Protein backbone atom coordinates (compact mmCIF):
# COMPACT_ATOMS: atom_id res chain seq x y z
CA MET A 1 27.66 43.74 -18.85
CA ASN A 2 24.00 43.05 -19.24
CA TRP A 3 22.78 40.53 -16.68
CA ASP A 4 20.75 38.83 -19.44
CA ILE A 5 24.07 37.60 -20.86
CA VAL A 6 24.98 36.05 -17.51
CA ALA A 7 21.53 34.48 -17.14
CA GLY A 8 21.60 33.11 -20.68
CA ASN A 9 25.04 31.58 -20.18
CA TRP A 10 24.65 30.58 -16.54
CA LYS A 11 26.61 27.34 -16.87
CA GLN A 12 29.62 29.32 -18.12
CA PHE A 13 29.31 32.07 -15.51
CA LYS A 14 28.53 29.74 -12.62
CA GLY A 15 32.23 29.05 -12.05
CA LYS A 16 33.04 32.76 -11.98
CA VAL A 17 30.23 33.36 -9.51
CA GLN A 18 31.54 30.48 -7.37
CA THR A 19 35.02 32.05 -7.43
CA GLN A 20 33.65 35.46 -6.44
CA TRP A 21 31.33 34.17 -3.70
CA GLY A 22 32.98 30.94 -2.57
CA LYS A 23 30.58 30.31 0.29
CA LEU A 24 27.74 29.67 -2.16
CA THR A 25 27.21 25.96 -2.73
CA ASP A 26 26.62 24.22 -6.05
CA ASP A 27 23.04 23.54 -4.96
CA GLN A 28 22.48 27.23 -4.22
CA LEU A 29 23.96 28.22 -7.57
CA ASP A 30 21.69 25.69 -9.29
CA GLU A 31 18.70 27.27 -7.50
CA ILE A 32 19.79 30.76 -8.56
CA PHE A 33 20.17 29.66 -12.21
CA GLY A 34 21.15 33.13 -13.40
CA LYS A 35 18.45 35.09 -11.61
CA ARG A 36 20.03 38.29 -10.33
CA GLN A 37 17.56 38.82 -7.48
CA GLU A 38 18.06 35.24 -6.30
CA LEU A 39 21.83 35.75 -6.33
CA ALA A 40 21.51 38.97 -4.34
CA GLY A 41 19.30 37.24 -1.79
CA LYS A 42 21.68 34.30 -1.36
CA ILE A 43 24.68 36.62 -1.01
CA GLN A 44 22.81 38.55 1.69
CA GLU A 45 21.84 35.37 3.49
CA VAL A 46 25.18 33.56 3.31
CA TYR A 47 27.46 36.54 3.91
CA GLY A 48 25.21 38.39 6.37
CA ILE A 49 25.23 41.66 4.44
CA GLY A 50 22.52 44.10 3.43
CA LYS A 51 20.78 44.46 0.11
CA ASP A 52 22.76 47.53 -0.92
CA GLU A 53 26.09 45.81 -0.30
CA ALA A 54 24.99 42.70 -2.20
CA GLU A 55 23.88 44.82 -5.15
CA LYS A 56 27.19 46.70 -5.05
CA GLN A 57 29.13 43.44 -5.17
CA ILE A 58 27.06 42.13 -8.08
CA LYS A 59 27.59 45.39 -9.98
CA GLU A 60 31.34 45.12 -9.42
CA PHE A 61 31.20 41.50 -10.63
CA GLU A 62 29.38 42.62 -13.77
CA ASP A 63 31.92 45.38 -14.39
CA ASN A 64 34.90 43.06 -13.85
CA THR A 65 33.42 40.35 -16.04
CA ARG A 66 32.89 42.84 -18.86
CA ASP A 67 36.63 43.58 -18.86
CA GLU A 68 37.53 39.94 -19.53
């Protein structure tokens, strides 16, 4: 899936992102507002993981969302 689709439909994808990364708050998701780099940074910060792992998780999310 192209991240532009997620960004353009953030309100629809926000719930899926919240399900995937449940520690992210509504306020954080509102700040991210579909920006991939912002999401990666928040995942790193909240989950205490590195950039590569955050990017891997986002890629898996994109791949899984495409299958729906």
